């Protein structure tokens, strides 16, 4: 997988942003030349959107090499797998080489209401 090395390079930052996504959407810029160097060609339009529900990717068998490499690299990281099992996430990569990380609204609301109950119950 040509793109796995790119995603592994950004994995420490992605791990931090997944944790921060609980409170707000996170975005990380991926160096365009990293992607193009691994692809062997200059091509714009690398895009994907992956939903993780209950720790599983909805886009498990994708023909999109960059998305498949992303899924594989996330699956190799134990810390990230824990976060993906705890909450539902959406990862979107756009043509501006930005990876957006969002937690699903339903999960976010549950976390917020649990926090409010804990504070008021003290």
PDB file of N, CA and C in Angstrom:
ATOM      1  N   UNK A   1       0.836  -1.188   0.000  1.00  0.00           N
ATOM      2  CA  UNK A   1       0.000   0.000   0.000  1.00  0.00           C
ATOM      3  C   UNK A   1       0.874   1.242   0.000  1.00  0.00           C
ATOM      4  N   UNK A   2       0.808   1.944  -1.072  1.00  0.00           N
ATOM      5  CA  UNK A   2       1.679   3.105  -1.277  1.00  0.00           C
ATOM      6  C   UNK A   2       1.466   4.206  -0.240  1.00  0.00           C
ATOM      7  N   UNK A   3       0.258   4.384   0.240  1.00  0.00           N
ATOM      8  CA  UNK A   3      -0.048   5.516   1.108  1.00  0.00           C
ATOM      9  C   UNK A   3       0.087   5.216   2.595  1.00  0.00           C
ATOM     10  N   UNK A   4       0.309   3.970   2.960  1.00  0.00           N
ATOM     11  CA  UNK A   4       0.386   3.601   4.376  1.00  0.00           C
ATOM     12  C   UNK A   4       1.502   4.367   5.088  1.00  0.00           C
ATOM     13  N   UNK A   5       2.636   4.560   4.422  1.00  0.00           N
ATOM     14  CA  UNK A   5       3.745   5.296   5.023  1.00  0.00           C
ATOM     15  C   UNK A   5       3.377   6.731   5.355  1.00  0.00           C
ATOM     16  N   UNK A   6       2.590   7.347   4.493  1.00  0.00           N
ATOM     17  CA  UNK A   6       2.143   8.722   4.741  1.00  0.00           C
ATOM     18  C   UNK A   6       1.290   8.752   6.005  1.00  0.00           C
ATOM     19  N   UNK A   7       0.312   7.866   6.081  1.00  0.00           N
ATOM     20  CA  UNK A   7      -0.587   7.867   7.235  1.00  0.00           C
ATOM     21  C   UNK A   7       0.155   7.521   8.524  1.00  0.00           C
ATOM     22  N   UNK A   8       1.124   6.604   8.442  1.00  0.00           N
ATOM     23  CA  UNK A   8       1.909   6.266   9.647  1.00  0.00           C
ATOM     24  C   UNK A   8       2.702   7.477  10.146  1.00  0.00           C
ATOM     25  N   UNK A   9       3.193   8.281   9.226  1.00  0.00           N
ATOM     26  CA  UNK A   9       3.950   9.484   9.591  1.00  0.00           C
ATOM     27  C   UNK A   9       3.064  10.459  10.372  1.00  0.00           C
ATOM     28  N   UNK A  10       1.801  10.540  10.016  1.00  0.00           N
ATOM     29  CA  UNK A  10       0.883  11.476  10.669  1.00  0.00           C
ATOM     30  C   UNK A  10       0.117  10.850  11.837  1.00  0.00           C
ATOM     31  N   UNK A  11       0.343   9.582  12.101  1.00  0.00           N
ATOM     32  CA  UNK A  11      -0.433   8.857  13.115  1.00  0.00           C
ATOM     33  C   UNK A  11      -0.382   9.483  14.515  1.00  0.00           C
ATOM     34  N   UNK A  12       0.783   9.914  15.012  1.00  0.00           N
ATOM     35  CA  UNK A  12       0.776  10.539  16.350  1.00  0.00           C
ATOM     36  C   UNK A  12      -0.147  11.756  16.427  1.00  0.00           C
ATOM     37  N   UNK A  13      -0.148  12.591  15.397  1.00  0.00           N
ATOM     38  CA  UNK A  13      -1.025  13.774  15.384  1.00  0.00           C
ATOM     39  C   UNK A  13      -2.487  13.353  15.257  1.00  0.00           C
ATOM     40  N   UNK A  14      -2.763  12.361  14.421  1.00  0.00           N
ATOM     41  CA  UNK A  14      -4.134  11.879  14.244  1.00  0.00           C
ATOM     42  C   UNK A  14      -4.663  11.322  15.561  1.00  0.00           C
ATOM     43  N   UNK A  15      -3.821  10.619  16.290  1.00  0.00           N
ATOM     44  CA  UNK A  15      -4.219  10.048  17.585  1.00  0.00           C
ATOM     45  C   UNK A  15      -4.660  11.164  18.538  1.00  0.00           C
ATOM     46  N   UNK A  16      -3.904  12.245  18.595  1.00  0.00           N
ATOM     47  CA  UNK A  16      -4.252  13.378  19.466  1.00  0.00           C
ATOM     48  C   UNK A  16      -5.554  14.030  19.006  1.00  0.00           C
ATOM     49  N   UNK A  17      -5.712  14.206  17.694  1.00  0.00           N
ATOM     50  CA  UNK A  17      -6.906  14.873  17.172  1.00  0.00           C
ATOM     51  C   UNK A  17      -8.167  14.031  17.353  1.00  0.00           C
ATOM     52  N   UNK A  18      -8.029  12.716  17.304  1.00  0.00           N
ATOM     53  CA  UNK A  18      -9.190  11.855  17.571  1.00  0.00           C
ATOM     54  C   UNK A  18      -9.677  12.089  18.995  1.00  0.00           C
ATOM     55  N   UNK A  19      -8.758  12.203  19.916  1.00  0.00           N
ATOM     56  CA  UNK A  19      -9.124  12.461  21.309  1.00  0.00           C
ATOM     57  C   UNK A  19      -9.792  13.835  21.440  1.00  0.00           C
ATOM     58  N   UNK A  20      -9.229  14.851  20.784  1.00  0.00           N
ATOM     59  CA  UNK A  20      -9.777  16.208  20.856  1.00  0.00           C
ATOM     60  C   UNK A  20     -11.114  16.336  20.127  1.00  0.00           C
ATOM     61  N   UNK A  21     -11.395  15.450  19.189  1.00  0.00           N
ATOM     62  CA  UNK A  21     -12.630  15.529  18.398  1.00  0.00           C
ATOM     63  C   UNK A  21     -13.876  15.365  19.258  1.00  0.00           C
ATOM     64  N   UNK A  22     -13.723  14.868  20.460  1.00  0.00           N
ATOM     65  CA  UNK A  22     -14.869  14.714  21.365  1.00  0.00           C
ATOM     66  C   UNK A  22     -15.493  16.065  21.651  1.00  0.00           C
ATOM     67  N   UNK A  23     -14.682  17.115  21.686  1.00  0.00           N
ATOM     68  CA  UNK A  23     -15.216  18.439  21.999  1.00  0.00           C
ATOM     69  C   UNK A  23     -15.469  19.303  20.770  1.00  0.00           C
ATOM     70  N   UNK A  24     -14.712  19.079  19.669  1.00  0.00           N
ATOM     71  CA  UNK A  24     -14.888  19.886  18.463  1.00  0.00           C
ATOM     72  C   UNK A  24     -14.255  19.184  17.264  1.00  0.00           C
ATOM     73  N   UNK A  25     -14.773  19.509  16.087  1.00  0.00           N
ATOM     74  CA  UNK A  25     -14.204  18.949  14.854  1.00  0.00           C
ATOM     75  C   UNK A  25     -12.740  19.342  14.744  1.00  0.00           C
ATOM     76  N   UNK A  26     -11.928  18.416  14.284  1.00  0.00           N
ATOM     77  CA  UNK A  26     -10.490  18.644  14.150  1.00  0.00           C
ATOM     78  C   UNK A  26     -10.073  18.535  12.687  1.00  0.00           C
ATOM     79  N   UNK A  27      -9.050  19.284  12.305  1.00  0.00           N
ATOM     80  CA  UNK A  27      -8.546  19.259  10.931  1.00  0.00           C
ATOM     81  C   UNK A  27      -7.022  19.232  10.981  1.00  0.00           C
ATOM     82  N   UNK A  28      -6.436  18.390  10.140  1.00  0.00           N
ATOM     83  CA  UNK A  28      -4.989  18.359   9.997  1.00  0.00           C
ATOM     84  C   UNK A  28      -4.652  18.425   8.511  1.00  0.00           C
ATOM     85  N   UNK A  29      -3.710  19.270   8.182  1.00  0.00           N
ATOM     86  CA  UNK A  29      -3.255  19.380   6.799  1.00  0.00           C
ATOM     87  C   UNK A  29      -2.190  18.330   6.519  1.00  0.00           C
ATOM     88  N   UNK A  30      -2.350  17.620   5.431  1.00  0.00           N
ATOM     89  CA  UNK A  30      -1.391  16.605   5.007  1.00  0.00           C
ATOM     90  C   UNK A  30      -0.557  17.217   3.879  1.00  0.00           C
ATOM     91  N   UNK A  31       0.731  17.060   3.948  1.00  0.00           N
ATOM     92  CA  UNK A  31       1.623  17.636   2.951  1.00  0.00           C
ATOM     93  C   UNK A  31       1.327  17.027   1.577  1.00  0.00           C
ATOM     94  N   UNK A  32       0.979  17.870   0.646  1.00  0.00           N
ATOM     95  CA  UNK A  32       0.614  17.436  -0.709  1.00  0.00           C
ATOM     96  C   UNK A  32       1.735  16.622  -1.359  1.00  0.00           C
ATOM     97  N   UNK A  33       2.972  17.043  -1.170  1.00  0.00           N
ATOM     98  CA  UNK A  33       4.085  16.326  -1.803  1.00  0.00           C
ATOM     99  C   UNK A  33       4.252  14.921  -1.220  1.00  0.00           C
ATOM    100  N   UNK A  34       3.892  14.719   0.062  1.00  0.00           N
ATOM    101  CA  UNK A  34       3.935  13.366   0.641  1.00  0.00           C
ATOM    102  C   UNK A  34       3.001  12.430  -0.118  1.00  0.00           C
ATOM    103  N   UNK A  35       1.813  12.916  -0.390  1.00  0.00           N
ATOM    104  CA  UNK A  35       0.819  12.111  -1.105  1.00  0.00           C
ATOM    105  C   UNK A  35       1.281  11.851  -2.539  1.00  0.00           C
ATOM    106  N   UNK A  36       1.675  12.899  -3.228  1.00  0.00           N
ATOM    107  CA  UNK A  36       2.064  12.757  -4.638  1.00  0.00           C
ATOM    108  C   UNK A  36       3.314  11.896  -4.809  1.00  0.00           C
ATOM    109  N   UNK A  37       4.243  12.005  -3.873  1.00  0.00           N
ATOM    110  CA  UNK A  37       5.465  11.198  -3.939  1.00  0.00           C
ATOM    111  C   UNK A  37       5.125   9.710  -3.810  1.00  0.00           C
ATOM    112  N   UNK A  38       4.179   9.374  -2.944  1.00  0.00           N
ATOM    113  CA  UNK A  38       3.787   7.989  -2.756  1.00  0.00           C
ATOM    114  C   UNK A  38       2.942   7.464  -3.904  1.00  0.00           C
ATOM    115  N   UNK A  39       2.212   8.351  -4.542  1.00  0.00           N
ATOM    116  CA  UNK A  39       1.379   7.933  -5.667  1.00  0.00           C
ATOM    117  C   UNK A  39       2.212   7.770  -6.934  1.00  0.00           C
ATOM    118  N   UNK A  40       3.335   8.488  -6.996  1.00  0.00           N
ATOM    119  CA  UNK A  40       4.170   8.432  -8.191  1.00  0.00           C
ATOM    120  C   UNK A  40       3.701   9.353  -9.301  1.00  0.00           C
ATOM    121  N   UNK A  41       2.587  10.018  -9.069  1.00  0.00           N
ATOM    122  CA  UNK A  41       2.064  10.963 -10.061  1.00  0.00           C
ATOM    123  C   UNK A  41       1.494  12.174  -9.344  1.00  0.00           C
ATOM    124  N   UNK A  42       1.409  13.268 -10.060  1.00  0.00           N
ATOM    125  CA  UNK A  42       0.741  14.454  -9.512  1.00  0.00           C
ATOM    126  C   UNK A  42      -0.712  14.375  -9.940  1.00  0.00           C
ATOM    127  N   UNK A  43      -1.547  14.253  -8.971  1.00  0.00           N
ATOM    128  CA  UNK A  43      -2.977  14.122  -9.260  1.00  0.00           C
ATOM    129  C   UNK A  43      -3.739  14.805  -8.133  1.00  0.00           C
ATOM    130  N   UNK A  44      -4.677  15.624  -8.487  1.00  0.00           N
ATOM    131  CA  UNK A  44      -5.506  16.214  -7.445  1.00  0.00           C
ATOM    132  C   UNK A  44      -6.780  15.391  -7.352  1.00  0.00           C
ATOM    133  N   UNK A  45      -7.537  15.670  -6.367  1.00  0.00           N
ATOM    134  CA  UNK A  45      -8.812  14.980  -6.252  1.00  0.00           C
ATOM    135  C   UNK A  45      -8.782  13.757  -5.360  1.00  0.00           C
ATOM    136  N   UNK A  46      -7.734  13.599  -4.555  1.00  0.00           N
ATOM    137  CA  UNK A  46      -7.754  12.524  -3.569  1.00  0.00           C
ATOM    138  C   UNK A  46      -8.804  12.887  -2.538  1.00  0.00           C
ATOM    139  N   UNK A  47      -9.835  12.075  -2.451  1.00  0.00           N
ATOM    140  CA  UNK A  47     -10.915  12.358  -1.507  1.00  0.00           C
ATOM    141  C   UNK A  47     -11.474  11.048  -0.972  1.00  0.00           C
ATOM    142  N   UNK A  48     -11.921  11.117   0.279  1.00  0.00           N
ATOM    143  CA  UNK A  48     -12.685  10.004   0.837  1.00  0.00           C
ATOM    144  C   UNK A  48     -13.424  10.477   2.073  1.00  0.00           C
ATOM    145  N   UNK A  49     -14.411   9.719   2.433  1.00  0.00           N
ATOM    146  CA  UNK A  49     -15.144   9.928   3.675  1.00  0.00           C
ATOM    147  C   UNK A  49     -15.412   8.546   4.250  1.00  0.00           C
ATOM    148  N   UNK A  50     -14.998   8.356   5.489  1.00  0.00           N
ATOM    149  CA  UNK A  50     -15.139   7.050   6.135  1.00  0.00           C
ATOM    150  C   UNK A  50     -15.854   7.246   7.461  1.00  0.00           C
ATOM    151  N   UNK A  51     -16.917   6.502   7.654  1.00  0.00           N
ATOM    152  CA  UNK A  51     -17.618   6.492   8.932  1.00  0.00           C
ATOM    153  C   UNK A  51     -17.187   5.266   9.716  1.00  0.00           C
ATOM    154  N   UNK A  52     -16.851   5.494  10.965  1.00  0.00           N
ATOM    155  CA  UNK A  52     -16.567   4.387  11.874  1.00  0.00           C
ATOM    156  C   UNK A  52     -17.723   4.301  12.852  1.00  0.00           C
ATOM    157  N   UNK A  53     -18.428   3.193  12.816  1.00  0.00           N
ATOM    158  CA  UNK A  53     -19.562   2.955  13.704  1.00  0.00           C
ATOM    159  C   UNK A  53     -19.215   1.734  14.554  1.00  0.00           C
ATOM    160  N   UNK A  54     -19.263   1.909  15.870  1.00  0.00           N
ATOM    161  CA  UNK A  54     -18.931   0.830  16.803  1.00  0.00           C
ATOM    162  C   UNK A  54     -17.569   0.197  16.476  1.00  0.00           C
ATOM    163  N   UNK A  55     -16.596   1.039  16.163  1.00  0.00           N
ATOM    164  CA  UNK A  55     -15.238   0.575  15.927  1.00  0.00           C
ATOM    165  C   UNK A  55     -14.975  -0.027  14.562  1.00  0.00           C
ATOM    166  N   UNK A  56     -15.976  -0.043  13.691  1.00  0.00           N
ATOM    167  CA  UNK A  56     -15.808  -0.650  12.370  1.00  0.00           C
ATOM    168  C   UNK A  56     -16.009   0.380  11.262  1.00  0.00           C
ATOM    169  N   UNK A  57     -15.187   0.251  10.250  1.00  0.00           N
ATOM    170  CA  UNK A  57     -15.292   1.139   9.107  1.00  0.00           C
ATOM    171  C   UNK A  57     -16.431   0.692   8.201  1.00  0.00           C
ATOM    172  N   UNK A  58     -17.222   1.645   7.722  1.00  0.00           N
ATOM    173  CA  UNK A  58     -18.270   1.317   6.757  1.00  0.00           C
ATOM    174  C   UNK A  58     -17.696   1.120   5.363  1.00  0.00           C
ATOM    175  N   UNK A  59     -16.452   1.548   5.163  1.00  0.00           N
ATOM    176  CA  UNK A  59     -15.816   1.502   3.853  1.00  0.00           C
ATOM    177  C   UNK A  59     -14.690   0.468   3.902  1.00  0.00           C
ATOM    178  N   UNK A  60     -15.017  -0.738   4.348  1.00  0.00           N
ATOM    179  CA  UNK A  60     -14.005  -1.753   4.599  1.00  0.00           C
ATOM    180  C   UNK A  60     -13.277  -2.205   3.338  1.00  0.00           C
ATOM    181  N   UNK A  61     -13.987  -2.388   2.261  1.00  0.00           N
ATOM    182  CA  UNK A  61     -13.360  -2.839   1.022  1.00  0.00           C
ATOM    183  C   UNK A  61     -13.517  -1.753  -0.028  1.00  0.00           C
ATOM    184  N   UNK A  62     -12.537  -0.867  -0.060  1.00  0.00           N
ATOM    185  CA  UNK A  62     -12.600   0.280  -0.951  1.00  0.00           C
ATOM    186  C   UNK A  62     -11.598   0.127  -2.082  1.00  0.00           C
ATOM    187  N   UNK A  63     -11.964   0.614  -3.243  1.00  0.00           N
ATOM    188  CA  UNK A  63     -11.031   0.647  -4.364  1.00  0.00           C
ATOM    189  C   UNK A  63     -10.149   1.892  -4.306  1.00  0.00           C
ATOM    190  N   UNK A  64     -10.412   2.761  -3.345  1.00  0.00           N
ATOM    191  CA  UNK A  64      -9.653   3.979  -3.157  1.00  0.00           C
ATOM    192  C   UNK A  64      -8.407   3.644  -2.333  1.00  0.00           C
ATOM    193  N   UNK A  65      -7.227   3.632  -2.972  1.00  0.00           N
ATOM    194  CA  UNK A  65      -5.992   3.221  -2.306  1.00  0.00           C
ATOM    195  C   UNK A  65      -5.652   4.063  -1.088  1.00  0.00           C
ATOM    196  N   UNK A  66      -5.870   5.369  -1.190  1.00  0.00           N
ATOM    197  CA  UNK A  66      -5.523   6.241  -0.069  1.00  0.00           C
ATOM    198  C   UNK A  66      -6.451   5.979   1.128  1.00  0.00           C
ATOM    199  N   UNK A  67      -7.722   5.722   0.861  1.00  0.00           N
ATOM    200  CA  UNK A  67      -8.674   5.414   1.932  1.00  0.00           C
ATOM    201  C   UNK A  67      -8.377   4.047   2.540  1.00  0.00           C
ATOM    202  N   UNK A  68      -8.080   3.075   1.713  1.00  0.00           N
ATOM    203  CA  UNK A  68      -7.783   1.728   2.210  1.00  0.00           C
ATOM    204  C   UNK A  68      -6.533   1.741   3.092  1.00  0.00           C
ATOM    205  N   UNK A  69      -5.522   2.491   2.687  1.00  0.00           N
ATOM    206  CA  UNK A  69      -4.305   2.605   3.499  1.00  0.00           C
ATOM    207  C   UNK A  69      -4.619   3.270   4.837  1.00  0.00           C
ATOM    208  N   UNK A  70      -5.481   4.282   4.823  1.00  0.00           N
ATOM    209  CA  UNK A  70      -5.873   4.976   6.054  1.00  0.00           C
ATOM    210  C   UNK A  70      -6.562   4.009   7.012  1.00  0.00           C
ATOM    211  N   UNK A  71      -7.510   3.231   6.508  1.00  0.00           N
ATOM    212  CA  UNK A  71      -8.232   2.253   7.321  1.00  0.00           C
ATOM    213  C   UNK A  71      -7.253   1.242   7.925  1.00  0.00           C
ATOM    214  N   UNK A  72      -6.324   0.757   7.115  1.00  0.00           N
ATOM    215  CA  UNK A  72      -5.355  -0.235   7.572  1.00  0.00           C
ATOM    216  C   UNK A  72      -4.466   0.314   8.680  1.00  0.00           C
ATOM    217  N   UNK A  73      -3.971   1.530   8.497  1.00  0.00           N
ATOM    218  CA  UNK A  73      -3.083   2.136   9.494  1.00  0.00           C
ATOM    219  C   UNK A  73      -3.826   2.399  10.801  1.00  0.00           C
ATOM    220  N   UNK A  74      -5.072   2.862  10.735  1.00  0.00           N
ATOM    221  CA  UNK A  74      -5.842   3.068  11.964  1.00  0.00           C
ATOM    222  C   UNK A  74      -6.056   1.751  12.695  1.00  0.00           C
ATOM    223  N   UNK A  75      -6.299   0.685  11.960  1.00  0.00           N
ATOM    224  CA  UNK A  75      -6.560  -0.628  12.559  1.00  0.00           C
ATOM    225  C   UNK A  75      -5.322  -1.192  13.259  1.00  0.00           C
ATOM    226  N   UNK A  76      -4.150  -0.733  12.889  1.00  0.00           N
ATOM    227  CA  UNK A  76      -2.906  -1.224  13.488  1.00  0.00           C
ATOM    228  C   UNK A  76      -2.592  -0.546  14.826  1.00  0.00           C
ATOM    229  N   UNK A  77      -3.249   0.550  15.138  1.00  0.00           N
ATOM    230  CA  UNK A  77      -2.941   1.334  16.339  1.00  0.00           C
ATOM    231  C   UNK A  77      -3.941   1.021  17.457  1.00  0.00           C
ATOM    232  N   UNK A  78      -3.444   0.466  18.551  1.00  0.00           N
ATOM    233  CA  UNK A  78      -4.318   0.045  19.654  1.00  0.00           C
ATOM    234  C   UNK A  78      -5.041   1.223  20.314  1.00  0.00           C
ATOM    235  N   UNK A  79      -4.348   2.337  20.503  1.00  0.00           N
ATOM    236  CA  UNK A  79      -4.968   3.508  21.130  1.00  0.00           C
ATOM    237  C   UNK A  79      -6.121   4.025  20.277  1.00  0.00           C
ATOM    238  N   UNK A  80      -5.896   4.137  18.990  1.00  0.00           N
ATOM    239  CA  UNK A  80      -6.946   4.622  18.084  1.00  0.00           C
ATOM    240  C   UNK A  80      -8.109   3.639  18.057  1.00  0.00           C
ATOM    241  N   UNK A  81      -7.826   2.352  18.059  1.00  0.00           N
ATOM    242  CA  UNK A  81      -8.912   1.355  18.068  1.00  0.00           C
ATOM    243  C   UNK A  81      -9.797   1.520  19.300  1.00  0.00           C
ATOM    244  N   UNK A  82      -9.194   1.848  20.446  1.00  0.00           N
ATOM    245  CA  UNK A  82      -9.991   2.084  21.663  1.00  0.00           C
ATOM    246  C   UNK A  82     -10.938   3.265  21.471  1.00  0.00           C
ATOM    247  N   UNK A  83     -10.420   4.378  20.932  1.00  0.00           N
ATOM    248  CA  UNK A  83     -11.274   5.547  20.682  1.00  0.00           C
ATOM    249  C   UNK A  83     -12.397   5.209  19.706  1.00  0.00           C
ATOM    250  N   UNK A  84     -12.075   4.465  18.648  1.00  0.00           N
ATOM    251  CA  UNK A  84     -13.078   4.118  17.639  1.00  0.00           C
ATOM    252  C   UNK A  84     -14.152   3.203  18.215  1.00  0.00           C
ATOM    253  N   UNK A  85     -13.806   2.405  19.205  1.00  0.00           N
ATOM    254  CA  UNK A  85     -14.793   1.537  19.855  1.00  0.00           C
ATOM    255  C   UNK A  85     -15.682   2.315  20.819  1.00  0.00           C
ATOM    256  N   UNK A  86     -15.164   3.402  21.379  1.00  0.00           N
ATOM    257  CA  UNK A  86     -15.912   4.194  22.352  1.00  0.00           C
ATOM    258  C   UNK A  86     -16.900   5.157  21.701  1.00  0.00           C
ATOM    259  N   UNK A  87     -16.556   5.681  20.521  1.00  0.00           N
ATOM    260  CA  UNK A  87     -17.375   6.698  19.855  1.00  0.00           C
ATOM    261  C   UNK A  87     -17.443   6.419  18.367  1.00  0.00           C
ATOM    262  N   UNK A  88     -18.399   7.027  17.715  1.00  0.00           N
ATOM    263  CA  UNK A  88     -18.515   6.939  16.260  1.00  0.00           C
ATOM    264  C   UNK A  88     -17.872   8.177  15.645  1.00  0.00           C
ATOM    265  N   UNK A  89     -17.038   7.949  14.639  1.00  0.00           N
ATOM    266  CA  UNK A  89     -16.289   9.028  14.007  1.00  0.00           C
ATOM    267  C   UNK A  89     -16.513   9.049  12.505  1.00  0.00           C
ATOM    268  N   UNK A  90     -16.323  10.229  11.933  1.00  0.00           N
ATOM    269  CA  UNK A  90     -16.269  10.385  10.481  1.00  0.00           C
ATOM    270  C   UNK A  90     -14.937  11.043  10.150  1.00  0.00           C
ATOM    271  N   UNK A  91     -14.206  10.416   9.227  1.00  0.00           N
ATOM    272  CA  UNK A  91     -12.942  10.946   8.730  1.00  0.00           C
ATOM    273  C   UNK A  91     -13.169  11.338   7.275  1.00  0.00           C
ATOM    274  N   UNK A  92     -12.861  12.574   6.943  1.00  0.00           N
ATOM    275  CA  UNK A  92     -13.024  13.055   5.570  1.00  0.00           C
ATOM    276  C   UNK A  92     -11.715  13.664   5.103  1.00  0.00           C
ATOM    277  N   UNK A  93     -11.287  13.242   3.927  1.00  0.00           N
ATOM    278  CA  UNK A  93     -10.080  13.799   3.320  1.00  0.00           C
ATOM    279  C   UNK A  93     -10.514  14.514   2.056  1.00  0.00           C
ATOM    280  N   UNK A  94     -10.116  15.799   1.929  1.00  0.00           N
ATOM    281  CA  UNK A  94     -10.592  16.582   0.794  1.00  0.00           C
ATOM    282  C   UNK A  94      -9.466  16.909  -0.190  1.00  0.00           C
ATOM    283  N   UNK A  95      -9.824  17.533  -1.286  1.00  0.00           N
ATOM    284  CA  UNK A  95      -8.868  17.847  -2.352  1.00  0.00           C
ATOM    285  C   UNK A  95      -7.855  18.914  -1.946  1.00  0.00           C
ATOM    286  N   UNK A  96      -8.052  19.537  -0.783  1.00  0.00           N
ATOM    287  CA  UNK A  96      -7.085  20.498  -0.256  1.00  0.00           C
ATOM    288  C   UNK A  96      -6.084  19.804   0.673  1.00  0.00           C
ATOM    289  N   UNK A  97      -6.110  18.474   0.672  1.00  0.00           N
ATOM    290  CA  UNK A  97      -5.202  17.659   1.479  1.00  0.00           C
ATOM    291  C   UNK A  97      -5.400  17.905   2.976  1.00  0.00           C
ATOM    292  N   UNK A  98      -6.651  18.011   3.373  1.00  0.00           N
ATOM    293  CA  UNK A  98      -7.002  18.185   4.780  1.00  0.00           C
ATOM    294  C   UNK A  98      -7.793  16.972   5.240  1.00  0.00           C
ATOM    295  N   UNK A  99      -7.419  16.461   6.391  1.00  0.00           N
ATOM    296  CA  UNK A  99      -8.158  15.371   7.017  1.00  0.00           C
ATOM    297  C   UNK A  99      -9.002  15.969   8.132  1.00  0.00           C
ATOM    298  N   UNK A 100     -10.324  15.800   8.026  1.00  0.00           N
ATOM    299  CA  UNK A 100     -11.248  16.288   9.051  1.00  0.00           C
ATOM    300  C   UNK A 100     -11.688  15.101   9.895  1.00  0.00           C
ATOM    301  N   UNK A 101     -11.727  15.319  11.195  1.00  0.00           N
ATOM    302  CA  UNK A 101     -12.127  14.271  12.129  1.00  0.00           C
ATOM    303  C   UNK A 101     -13.292  14.807  12.935  1.00  0.00           C
ATOM    304  N   UNK A 102     -14.431  14.104  12.837  1.00  0.00           N
ATOM    305  CA  UNK A 102     -15.636  14.520  13.561  1.00  0.00           C
ATOM    306  C   UNK A 102     -16.189  13.339  14.342  1.00  0.00           C
ATOM    307  N   UNK A 103     -16.705  13.627  15.506  1.00  0.00           N
ATOM    308  CA  UNK A 103     -17.411  12.608  16.277  1.00  0.00           C
ATOM    309  C   UNK A 103     -18.887  12.753  15.929  1.00  0.00           C
ATOM    310  N   UNK A 104     -19.629  11.663  15.939  1.00  0.00           N
ATOM    311  CA  UNK A 104     -21.043  11.757  15.567  1.00  0.00           C
ATOM    312  C   UNK A 104     -21.803  12.562  16.604  1.00  0.00           C
ATOM    313  N   UNK A 105     -22.806  13.298  16.150  1.00  0.00           N
ATOM    314  CA  UNK A 105     -23.582  14.186  17.006  1.00  0.00           C
ATOM    315  C   UNK A 105     -24.228  13.427  18.159  1.00  0.00           C
ATOM    316  N   UNK A 106     -24.770  12.249  17.879  1.00  0.00           N
ATOM    317  CA  UNK A 106     -25.437  11.447  18.908  1.00  0.00           C
ATOM    318  C   UNK A 106     -24.477  11.145  20.061  1.00  0.00           C
ATOM    319  N   UNK A 107     -23.266  10.722  19.742  1.00  0.00           N
ATOM    320  CA  UNK A 107     -22.274  10.416  20.763  1.00  0.00           C
ATOM    321  C   UNK A 107     -21.872  11.676  21.524  1.00  0.00           C
ATOM    322  N   UNK A 108     -21.709  12.772  20.806  1.00  0.00           N
ATOM    323  CA  UNK A 108     -21.299  14.033  21.413  1.00  0.00           C
ATOM    324  C   UNK A 108     -22.346  14.499  22.422  1.00  0.00           C
ATOM    325  N   UNK A 109     -23.616  14.393  22.066  1.00  0.00           N
ATOM    326  CA  UNK A 109     -24.695  14.796  22.970  1.00  0.00           C
ATOM    327  C   UNK A 109     -24.706  13.935  24.219  1.00  0.00           C
ATOM    328  N   UNK A 110     -24.479  12.648  24.067  1.00  0.00           N
ATOM    329  CA  UNK A 110     -24.468  11.742  25.212  1.00  0.00           C
ATOM    330  C   UNK A 110     -23.329  12.094  26.162  1.00  0.00           C
ATOM    331  N   UNK A 111     -22.178  12.417  25.622  1.00  0.00           N
ATOM    332  CA  UNK A 111     -21.021  12.797  26.439  1.00  0.00           C
ATOM    333  C   UNK A 111     -21.321  14.090  27.182  1.00  0.00           C
ATOM    334  N   UNK A 112     -21.920  15.071  26.500  1.00  0.00           N
ATOM    335  CA  UNK A 112     -22.251  16.351  27.114  1.00  0.00           C
ATOM    336  C   UNK A 112     -23.269  16.167  28.234  1.00  0.00           C
ATOM    337  N   UNK A 113     -24.316  15.372  28.012  1.00  0.00           N
ATOM    338  CA  UNK A 113     -25.337  15.185  29.041  1.00  0.00           C
ATOM    339  C   UNK A 113     -24.781  14.399  30.228  1.00  0.00           C
ATOM    340  N   UNK A 114     -23.895  13.449  29.998  1.00  0.00           N
ATOM    341  CA  UNK A 114     -23.260  12.716  31.095  1.00  0.00           C
ATOM    342  C   UNK A 114     -22.420  13.660  31.950  1.00  0.00           C
ATOM    343  N   UNK A 115     -21.710  14.560  31.314  1.00  0.00           N
ATOM    344  CA  UNK A 115     -20.875  15.519  32.020  1.00  0.00           C
ATOM    345  C   UNK A 115     -21.738  16.454  32.862  1.00  0.00           C
ATOM    346  N   UNK A 116     -22.851  16.910  32.316  1.00  0.00           N
ATOM    347  CA  UNK A 116     -23.748  17.818  33.036  1.00  0.00           C
ATOM    348  C   UNK A 116     -24.367  17.105  34.236  1.00  0.00           C
ATOM    349  N   UNK A 117     -24.746  15.843  34.073  1.00  0.00           N
ATOM    350  CA  UNK A 117     -25.326  15.091  35.181  1.00  0.00           C
ATOM    351  C   UNK A 117     -24.308  14.910  36.301  1.00  0.00           C
ATOM    352  N   UNK A 118     -23.068  14.644  35.944  1.00  0.00           N
ATOM    353  CA  UNK A 118     -22.013  14.460  36.934  1.00  0.00           C
ATOM    354  C   UNK A 118     -21.785  15.734  37.713  1.00  0.00           C
ATOM    355  N   UNK A 119     -21.762  16.865  37.030  1.00  0.00           N
ATOM    356  CA  UNK A 119     -21.535  18.146  37.679  1.00  0.00           C
ATOM    357  C   UNK A 119     -22.700  18.494  38.609  1.00  0.00           C
ATOM    358  N   UNK A 120     -23.942  18.320  38.133  1.00  0.00           N
ATOM    359  CA  UNK A 120     -25.098  18.688  38.951  1.00  0.00           C
ATOM    360  C   UNK A 120     -25.354  17.668  40.067  1.00  0.00           C
ATOM    361  N   UNK A 121     -24.848  16.449  39.911  1.00  0.00           N
ATOM    362  CA  UNK A 121     -25.085  15.411  40.905  1.00  0.00           C
ATOM    363  C   UNK A 121     -24.102  15.438  42.051  1.00  0.00           C
ATOM    364  N   UNK A 122     -23.108  16.305  42.010  1.00  0.00           N
ATOM    365  CA  UNK A 122     -22.092  16.343  43.083  1.00  0.00           C
ATOM    366  C   UNK A 122     -22.623  16.953  44.347  1.00  0.00           C
TER     367      UNK A 122
END
